[in-house]
Amino acid sequence: VKLPNGEELNEKAKTFIQQRDFTSAVPVLKQAANLGSAESQYNLAICLFEGLGITKDEKQANEWLLKSAQQNYANAQFKLAY
């Protein structure tokens, strides 16, 4: 059995996000973020900042944003700088 990688999970999460199904997106984002997907780390941070499908948690959101930015994900770098 092949386990999904961060990028595959990220694509799945983006599908949920496009459908505005944040409750389904968040667990997948967490999995992908923990596997090192910079885009998922960023999207999880946004969900945490906005309380989308998860309880608002700015401290945790900033931690994920920083991890994403450290991987040179431009959106995360911009949001941190902002």
PDB file of N, CA and C in Angstrom:
ATOM      1  N   VAL A   1       0.856  -1.187   0.000  1.00  0.00           N
ATOM      2  CA  VAL A   1       0.000   0.000   0.000  1.00  0.00           C
ATOM      3  C   VAL A   1       0.894   1.240   0.000  1.00  0.00           C
ATOM      4  N   LYS A   2       0.658   2.106  -0.974  1.00  0.00           N
ATOM      5  CA  LYS A   2       1.430   3.340  -1.088  1.00  0.00           C
ATOM      6  C   LYS A   2       0.735   4.433  -0.279  1.00  0.00           C
ATOM      7  N   LEU A   3       1.458   5.012   0.636  1.00  0.00           N
ATOM      8  CA  LEU A   3       0.910   6.107   1.427  1.00  0.00           C
ATOM      9  C   LEU A   3       0.959   7.396   0.616  1.00  0.00           C
ATOM     10  N   PRO A   4      -0.053   8.245   0.742  1.00  0.00           N
ATOM     11  CA  PRO A   4      -0.033   9.511   0.000  1.00  0.00           C
ATOM     12  C   PRO A   4       1.083  10.420   0.511  1.00  0.00           C
ATOM     13  N   ASN A   5       1.666  11.180  -0.405  1.00  0.00           N
ATOM     14  CA  ASN A   5       2.695  12.133   0.015  1.00  0.00           C
ATOM     15  C   ASN A   5       2.060  13.508   0.231  1.00  0.00           C
ATOM     16  N   GLY A   6       2.873  14.433   0.720  1.00  0.00           N
ATOM     17  CA  GLY A   6       2.377  15.768   1.043  1.00  0.00           C
ATOM     18  C   GLY A   6       1.731  16.481  -0.123  1.00  0.00           C
ATOM     19  N   GLU A   7       2.316  16.320  -1.311  1.00  0.00           N
ATOM     20  CA  GLU A   7       1.772  17.035  -2.475  1.00  0.00           C
ATOM     21  C   GLU A   7       0.439  16.447  -2.916  1.00  0.00           C
ATOM     22  N   GLU A   8       0.303  15.118  -2.855  1.00  0.00           N
ATOM     23  CA  GLU A   8      -0.976  14.485  -3.201  1.00  0.00           C
ATOM     24  C   GLU A   8      -2.064  14.921  -2.223  1.00  0.00           C
ATOM     25  N   LEU A   9      -1.717  14.929  -0.947  1.00  0.00           N
ATOM     26  CA  LEU A   9      -2.670  15.370   0.075  1.00  0.00           C
ATOM     27  C   LEU A   9      -3.016  16.846  -0.106  1.00  0.00           C
ATOM     28  N   ASN A  10      -2.015  17.647  -0.477  1.00  0.00           N
ATOM     29  CA  ASN A  10      -2.237  19.075  -0.707  1.00  0.00           C
ATOM     30  C   ASN A  10      -3.257  19.276  -1.822  1.00  0.00           C
ATOM     31  N   GLU A  11      -3.135  18.515  -2.900  1.00  0.00           N
ATOM     32  CA  GLU A  11      -4.083  18.636  -4.018  1.00  0.00           C
ATOM     33  C   GLU A  11      -5.493  18.268  -3.567  1.00  0.00           C
ATOM     34  N   LYS A  12      -5.604  17.216  -2.767  1.00  0.00           N
ATOM     35  CA  LYS A  12      -6.900  16.785  -2.231  1.00  0.00           C
ATOM     36  C   LYS A  12      -7.499  17.893  -1.357  1.00  0.00           C
ATOM     37  N   ALA A  13      -6.666  18.487  -0.508  1.00  0.00           N
ATOM     38  CA  ALA A  13      -7.132  19.565   0.372  1.00  0.00           C
ATOM     39  C   ALA A  13      -7.601  20.769  -0.442  1.00  0.00           C
ATOM     40  N   LYS A  14      -6.870  21.091  -1.507  1.00  0.00           N
ATOM     41  CA  LYS A  14      -7.256  22.244  -2.341  1.00  0.00           C
ATOM     42  C   LYS A  14      -8.623  22.018  -2.989  1.00  0.00           C
ATOM     43  N   THR A  15      -8.936  20.770  -3.325  1.00  0.00           N
ATOM     44  CA  THR A  15     -10.252  20.454  -3.885  1.00  0.00           C
ATOM     45  C   THR A  15     -11.338  20.770  -2.856  1.00  0.00           C
ATOM     46  N   PHE A  16     -11.114  20.352  -1.609  1.00  0.00           N
ATOM     47  CA  PHE A  16     -12.073  20.669  -0.539  1.00  0.00           C
ATOM     48  C   PHE A  16     -12.196  22.182  -0.352  1.00  0.00           C
ATOM     49  N   ILE A  17     -11.067  22.885  -0.388  1.00  0.00           N
ATOM     50  CA  ILE A  17     -11.080  24.343  -0.201  1.00  0.00           C
ATOM     51  C   ILE A  17     -11.875  25.012  -1.319  1.00  0.00           C
ATOM     52  N   GLN A  18     -11.672  24.561  -2.561  1.00  0.00           N
ATOM     53  CA  GLN A  18     -12.415  25.136  -3.695  1.00  0.00           C
ATOM     54  C   GLN A  18     -13.919  24.939  -3.511  1.00  0.00           C
ATOM     55  N   GLN A  19     -14.294  23.834  -2.851  1.00  0.00           N
ATOM     56  CA  GLN A  19     -15.706  23.546  -2.584  1.00  0.00           C
ATOM     57  C   GLN A  19     -16.177  24.245  -1.297  1.00  0.00           C
ATOM     58  N   ARG A  20     -15.278  24.987  -0.668  1.00  0.00           N
ATOM     59  CA  ARG A  20     -15.544  25.688   0.594  1.00  0.00           C
ATOM     60  C   ARG A  20     -15.906  24.712   1.713  1.00  0.00           C
ATOM     61  N   ASP A  21     -15.380  23.488   1.612  1.00  0.00           N
ATOM     62  CA  ASP A  21     -15.604  22.441   2.614  1.00  0.00           C
ATOM     63  C   ASP A  21     -14.385  22.394   3.533  1.00  0.00           C
ATOM     64  N   PHE A  22     -14.306  23.381   4.432  1.00  0.00           N
ATOM     65  CA  PHE A  22     -13.123  23.515   5.282  1.00  0.00           C
ATOM     66  C   PHE A  22     -13.055  22.431   6.352  1.00  0.00           C
ATOM     67  N   THR A  23     -14.220  21.925   6.769  1.00  0.00           N
ATOM     68  CA  THR A  23     -14.241  20.856   7.774  1.00  0.00           C
ATOM     69  C   THR A  23     -13.534  19.611   7.240  1.00  0.00           C
ATOM     70  N   SER A  24     -13.708  19.328   5.953  1.00  0.00           N
ATOM     71  CA  SER A  24     -13.012  18.189   5.329  1.00  0.00           C
ATOM     72  C   SER A  24     -11.571  18.545   4.980  1.00  0.00           C
ATOM     73  N   ALA A  25     -11.331  19.797   4.634  1.00  0.00           N
ATOM     74  CA  ALA A  25      -9.994  20.221   4.196  1.00  0.00           C
ATOM     75  C   ALA A  25      -8.977  20.211   5.331  1.00  0.00           C
ATOM     76  N   VAL A  26      -9.376  20.657   6.525  1.00  0.00           N
ATOM     77  CA  VAL A  26      -8.428  20.841   7.626  1.00  0.00           C
ATOM     78  C   VAL A  26      -7.656  19.563   8.004  1.00  0.00           C
ATOM     79  N   PRO A  27      -8.326  18.408   8.193  1.00  0.00           N
ATOM     80  CA  PRO A  27      -7.543  17.208   8.551  1.00  0.00           C
ATOM     81  C   PRO A  27      -6.534  16.819   7.462  1.00  0.00           C
ATOM     82  N   VAL A  28      -6.922  17.017   6.202  1.00  0.00           N
ATOM     83  CA  VAL A  28      -6.029  16.689   5.087  1.00  0.00           C
ATOM     84  C   VAL A  28      -4.872  17.695   5.041  1.00  0.00           C
ATOM     85  N   LEU A  29      -5.187  18.965   5.282  1.00  0.00           N
ATOM     86  CA  LEU A  29      -4.146  19.995   5.338  1.00  0.00           C
ATOM     87  C   LEU A  29      -3.143  19.682   6.445  1.00  0.00           C
ATOM     88  N   LYS A  30      -3.653  19.270   7.607  1.00  0.00           N
ATOM     89  CA  LYS A  30      -2.760  18.948   8.728  1.00  0.00           C
ATOM     90  C   LYS A  30      -1.804  17.826   8.351  1.00  0.00           C
ATOM     91  N   GLN A  31      -2.350  16.796   7.712  1.00  0.00           N
ATOM     92  CA  GLN A  31      -1.525  15.654   7.298  1.00  0.00           C
ATOM     93  C   GLN A  31      -0.442  16.116   6.321  1.00  0.00           C
ATOM     94  N   ALA A  32      -0.850  16.877   5.311  1.00  0.00           N
ATOM     95  CA  ALA A  32       0.093  17.350   4.291  1.00  0.00           C
ATOM     96  C   ALA A  32       1.116  18.309   4.896  1.00  0.00           C
ATOM     97  N   ALA A  33       0.650  19.179   5.795  1.00  0.00           N
ATOM     98  CA  ALA A  33       1.542  20.143   6.447  1.00  0.00           C
ATOM     99  C   ALA A  33       2.607  19.408   7.259  1.00  0.00           C
ATOM    100  N   ASN A  34       2.186  18.374   7.977  1.00  0.00           N
ATOM    101  CA  ASN A  34       3.137  17.590   8.773  1.00  0.00           C
ATOM    102  C   ASN A  34       4.131  16.831   7.894  1.00  0.00           C
ATOM    103  N   LEU A  35       3.748  16.563   6.646  1.00  0.00           N
ATOM    104  CA  LEU A  35       4.653  15.904   5.699  1.00  0.00           C
ATOM    105  C   LEU A  35       5.548  16.915   4.974  1.00  0.00           C
ATOM    106  N   GLY A  36       5.380  18.210   5.311  1.00  0.00           N
ATOM    107  CA  GLY A  36       6.279  19.230   4.776  1.00  0.00           C
ATOM    108  C   GLY A  36       5.783  20.016   3.585  1.00  0.00           C
ATOM    109  N   SER A  37       4.518  19.891   3.223  1.00  0.00           N
ATOM    110  CA  SER A  37       3.980  20.669   2.094  1.00  0.00           C
ATOM    111  C   SER A  37       3.850  22.137   2.502  1.00  0.00           C
ATOM    112  N   ALA A  38       4.656  22.991   1.881  1.00  0.00           N
ATOM    113  CA  ALA A  38       4.663  24.420   2.215  1.00  0.00           C
ATOM    114  C   ALA A  38       3.312  25.069   1.930  1.00  0.00           C
ATOM    115  N   GLU A  39       2.681  24.690   0.823  1.00  0.00           N
ATOM    116  CA  GLU A  39       1.385  25.272   0.484  1.00  0.00           C
ATOM    117  C   GLU A  39       0.325  24.857   1.505  1.00  0.00           C
ATOM    118  N   SER A  40       0.372  23.607   1.942  1.00  0.00           N
ATOM    119  CA  SER A  40      -0.576  23.142   2.959  1.00  0.00           C
ATOM    120  C   SER A  40      -0.325  23.831   4.295  1.00  0.00           C
ATOM    121  N   GLN A  41       0.925  24.039   4.623  1.00  0.00           N
ATOM    122  CA  GLN A  41       1.252  24.750   5.862  1.00  0.00           C
ATOM    123  C   GLN A  41       0.654  26.150   5.817  1.00  0.00           C
ATOM    124  N   TYR A  42       0.777  26.805   4.675  1.00  0.00           N
ATOM    125  CA  TYR A  42       0.212  28.143   4.496  1.00  0.00           C
ATOM    126  C   TYR A  42      -1.312  28.106   4.600  1.00  0.00           C
ATOM    127  N   ASN A  43      -1.944  27.173   3.869  1.00  0.00           N
ATOM    128  CA  ASN A  43      -3.409  27.092   3.874  1.00  0.00           C
ATOM    129  C   ASN A  43      -3.952  26.727   5.248  1.00  0.00           C
ATOM    130  N   LEU A  44      -3.245  25.861   5.963  1.00  0.00           N
ATOM    131  CA  LEU A  44      -3.645  25.515   7.331  1.00  0.00           C
ATOM    132  C   LEU A  44      -3.553  26.752   8.224  1.00  0.00           C
ATOM    133  N   ALA A  45      -2.506  27.530   8.047  1.00  0.00           N
ATOM    134  CA  ALA A  45      -2.353  28.774   8.819  1.00  0.00           C
ATOM    135  C   ALA A  45      -3.528  29.711   8.571  1.00  0.00           C
ATOM    136  N   ILE A  46      -3.934  29.848   7.315  1.00  0.00           N
ATOM    137  CA  ILE A  46      -5.061  30.728   6.986  1.00  0.00           C
ATOM    138  C   ILE A  46      -6.342  30.218   7.665  1.00  0.00           C
ATOM    139  N   CYS A  47      -6.565  28.902   7.606  1.00  0.00           N
ATOM    140  CA  CYS A  47      -7.744  28.323   8.274  1.00  0.00           C
ATOM    141  C   CYS A  47      -7.714  28.615   9.767  1.00  0.00           C
ATOM    142  N   LEU A  48      -6.536  28.520  10.368  1.00  0.00           N
ATOM    143  CA  LEU A  48      -6.386  28.798  11.804  1.00  0.00           C
ATOM    144  C   LEU A  48      -6.603  30.283  12.112  1.00  0.00           C
ATOM    145  N   PHE A  49      -6.105  31.164  11.245  1.00  0.00           N
ATOM    146  CA  PHE A  49      -6.313  32.606  11.443  1.00  0.00           C
ATOM    147  C   PHE A  49      -7.794  32.965  11.353  1.00  0.00           C
ATOM    148  N   GLU A  50      -8.490  32.356  10.375  1.00  0.00           N
ATOM    149  CA  GLU A  50      -9.880  32.721  10.085  1.00  0.00           C
ATOM    150  C   GLU A  50     -10.913  31.866  10.820  1.00  0.00           C
ATOM    151  N   GLY A  51     -10.473  30.769  11.433  1.00  0.00           N
ATOM    152  CA  GLY A  51     -11.430  29.868  12.073  1.00  0.00           C
ATOM    153  C   GLY A  51     -12.270  29.102  11.065  1.00  0.00           C
ATOM    154  N   LEU A  52     -11.656  28.712   9.954  1.00  0.00           N
ATOM    155  CA  LEU A  52     -12.354  27.976   8.891  1.00  0.00           C
ATOM    156  C   LEU A  52     -12.170  26.482   9.101  1.00  0.00           C
ATOM    157  N   GLY A  53     -13.218  25.802   9.540  1.00  0.00           N
ATOM    158  CA  GLY A  53     -13.158  24.364   9.746  1.00  0.00           C
ATOM    159  C   GLY A  53     -12.358  23.941  10.965  1.00  0.00           C
ATOM    160  N   ILE A  54     -11.938  24.926  11.750  1.00  0.00           N
ATOM    161  CA  ILE A  54     -11.101  24.674  12.927  1.00  0.00           C
ATOM    162  C   ILE A  54     -11.231  25.882  13.855  1.00  0.00           C
ATOM    163  N   THR A  55     -11.002  25.680  15.136  1.00  0.00           N
ATOM    164  CA  THR A  55     -11.049  26.786  16.090  1.00  0.00           C
ATOM    165  C   THR A  55      -9.903  27.758  15.804  1.00  0.00           C
ATOM    166  N   LYS A  56     -10.221  29.055  15.841  1.00  0.00           N
ATOM    167  CA  LYS A  56      -9.176  30.074  15.627  1.00  0.00           C
ATOM    168  C   LYS A  56      -8.039  29.885  16.619  1.00  0.00           C
ATOM    169  N   ASP A  57      -6.803  29.971  16.112  1.00  0.00           N
ATOM    170  CA  ASP A  57      -5.624  29.835  16.975  1.00  0.00           C
ATOM    171  C   ASP A  57      -4.473  30.561  16.291  1.00  0.00           C
ATOM    172  N   GLU A  58      -4.316  31.846  16.640  1.00  0.00           N
ATOM    173  CA  GLU A  58      -3.304  32.670  15.966  1.00  0.00           C
ATOM    174  C   GLU A  58      -1.885  32.213  16.257  1.00  0.00           C
ATOM    175  N   LYS A  59      -1.651  31.703  17.461  1.00  0.00           N
ATOM    176  CA  LYS A  59      -0.307  31.230  17.802  1.00  0.00           C
ATOM    177  C   LYS A  59       0.080  30.057  16.899  1.00  0.00           C
ATOM    178  N   GLN A  60      -0.816  29.080  16.805  1.00  0.00           N
ATOM    179  CA  GLN A  60      -0.556  27.924  15.950  1.00  0.00           C
ATOM    180  C   GLN A  60      -0.478  28.348  14.471  1.00  0.00           C
ATOM    181  N   ALA A  61      -1.340  29.275  14.078  1.00  0.00           N
ATOM    182  CA  ALA A  61      -1.331  29.774  12.704  1.00  0.00           C
ATOM    183  C   ALA A  61       0.027  30.380  12.362  1.00  0.00           C
ATOM    184  N   ASN A  62       0.557  31.189  13.277  1.00  0.00           N
ATOM    185  CA  ASN A  62       1.868  31.806  13.036  1.00  0.00           C
ATOM    186  C   ASN A  62       2.985  30.767  12.941  1.00  0.00           C
ATOM    187  N   GLU A  63       2.882  29.703  13.730  1.00  0.00           N
ATOM    188  CA  GLU A  63       3.898  28.639  13.667  1.00  0.00           C
ATOM    189  C   GLU A  63       3.896  27.973  12.293  1.00  0.00           C
ATOM    190  N   TRP A  64       2.700  27.673  11.765  1.00  0.00           N
ATOM    191  CA  TRP A  64       2.609  27.051  10.431  1.00  0.00           C
ATOM    192  C   TRP A  64       3.050  28.029   9.351  1.00  0.00           C
ATOM    193  N   LEU A  65       2.705  29.294   9.518  1.00  0.00           N
ATOM    194  CA  LEU A  65       3.108  30.313   8.549  1.00  0.00           C
ATOM    195  C   LEU A  65       4.632  30.408   8.472  1.00  0.00           C
ATOM    196  N   LEU A  66       5.272  30.378   9.625  1.00  0.00           N
ATOM    197  CA  LEU A  66       6.727  30.442   9.683  1.00  0.00           C
ATOM    198  C   LEU A  66       7.354  29.223   8.998  1.00  0.00           C
ATOM    199  N   LYS A  67       6.815  28.034   9.258  1.00  0.00           N
ATOM    200  CA  LYS A  67       7.346  26.820   8.621  1.00  0.00           C
ATOM    201  C   LYS A  67       7.243  26.923   7.103  1.00  0.00           C
ATOM    202  N   SER A  68       6.110  27.425   6.637  1.00  0.00           N
ATOM    203  CA  SER A  68       5.898  27.585   5.201  1.00  0.00           C
ATOM    204  C   SER A  68       6.870  28.616   4.617  1.00  0.00           C
ATOM    205  N   ALA A  69       7.013  29.738   5.297  1.00  0.00           N
ATOM    206  CA  ALA A  69       7.909  30.807   4.832  1.00  0.00           C
ATOM    207  C   ALA A  69       9.361  30.327   4.786  1.00  0.00           C
ATOM    208  N   GLN A  70       9.739  29.494   5.748  1.00  0.00           N
ATOM    209  CA  GLN A  70      11.117  28.986   5.783  1.00  0.00           C
ATOM    210  C   GLN A  70      11.409  28.073   4.594  1.00  0.00           C
ATOM    211  N   GLN A  71      10.351  27.587   3.946  1.00  0.00           N
ATOM    212  CA  GLN A  71      10.520  26.777   2.735  1.00  0.00           C
ATOM    213  C   GLN A  71      10.409  27.651   1.484  1.00  0.00           C
ATOM    214  N   ASN A  72      10.497  28.960   1.687  1.00  0.00           N
ATOM    215  CA  ASN A  72      10.445  29.934   0.594  1.00  0.00           C
ATOM    216  C   ASN A  72       9.102  29.993  -0.113  1.00  0.00           C
ATOM    217  N   TYR A  73       8.017  29.683   0.616  1.00  0.00           N
ATOM    218  CA  TYR A  73       6.682  29.821   0.033  1.00  0.00           C
ATOM    219  C   TYR A  73       6.326  31.302   0.090  1.00  0.00           C
ATOM    220  N   ALA A  74       6.244  31.936  -1.077  1.00  0.00           N
ATOM    221  CA  ALA A  74       6.119  33.394  -1.187  1.00  0.00           C
ATOM    222  C   ALA A  74       4.902  33.954  -0.466  1.00  0.00           C
ATOM    223  N   ASN A  75       3.743  33.323  -0.585  1.00  0.00           N
ATOM    224  CA  ASN A  75       2.546  33.838   0.080  1.00  0.00           C
ATOM    225  C   ASN A  75       2.739  33.907   1.591  1.00  0.00           C
ATOM    226  N   ALA A  76       3.382  32.897   2.148  1.00  0.00           N
ATOM    227  CA  ALA A  76       3.631  32.872   3.594  1.00  0.00           C
ATOM    228  C   ALA A  76       4.632  33.958   3.973  1.00  0.00           C
ATOM    229  N   GLN A  77       5.653  34.145   3.167  1.00  0.00           N
ATOM    230  CA  GLN A  77       6.645  35.187   3.441  1.00  0.00           C
ATOM    231  C   GLN A  77       5.978  36.559   3.421  1.00  0.00           C
ATOM    232  N   PHE A  78       5.108  36.754   2.437  1.00  0.00           N
ATOM    233  CA  PHE A  78       4.403  38.028   2.314  1.00  0.00           C
ATOM    234  C   PHE A  78       3.508  38.259   3.523  1.00  0.00           C
ATOM    235  N   LYS A  79       2.743  37.245   3.920  1.00  0.00           N
ATOM    236  CA  LYS A  79       1.811  37.400   5.050  1.00  0.00           C
ATOM    237  C   LYS A  79       2.578  37.658   6.344  1.00  0.00           C
ATOM    238  N   LEU A  80       3.716  37.008   6.512  1.00  0.00           N
ATOM    239  CA  LEU A  80       4.544  37.250   7.709  1.00  0.00           C
ATOM    240  C   LEU A  80       5.077  38.678   7.713  1.00  0.00           C
ATOM    241  N   ALA A  81       5.515  39.134   6.564  1.00  0.00           N
ATOM    242  CA  ALA A  81       6.072  40.478   6.461  1.00  0.00           C
ATOM    243  C   ALA A  81       4.970  41.526   6.692  1.00  0.00           C
ATOM    244  N   TYR A  82       3.791  41.225   6.244  1.00  0.00           N
ATOM    245  CA  TYR A  82       2.658  42.126   6.363  1.00  0.00           C
ATOM    246  C   TYR A  82       2.246  42.235   7.811  1.00  0.00           C
TER     247      TYR A  82
END
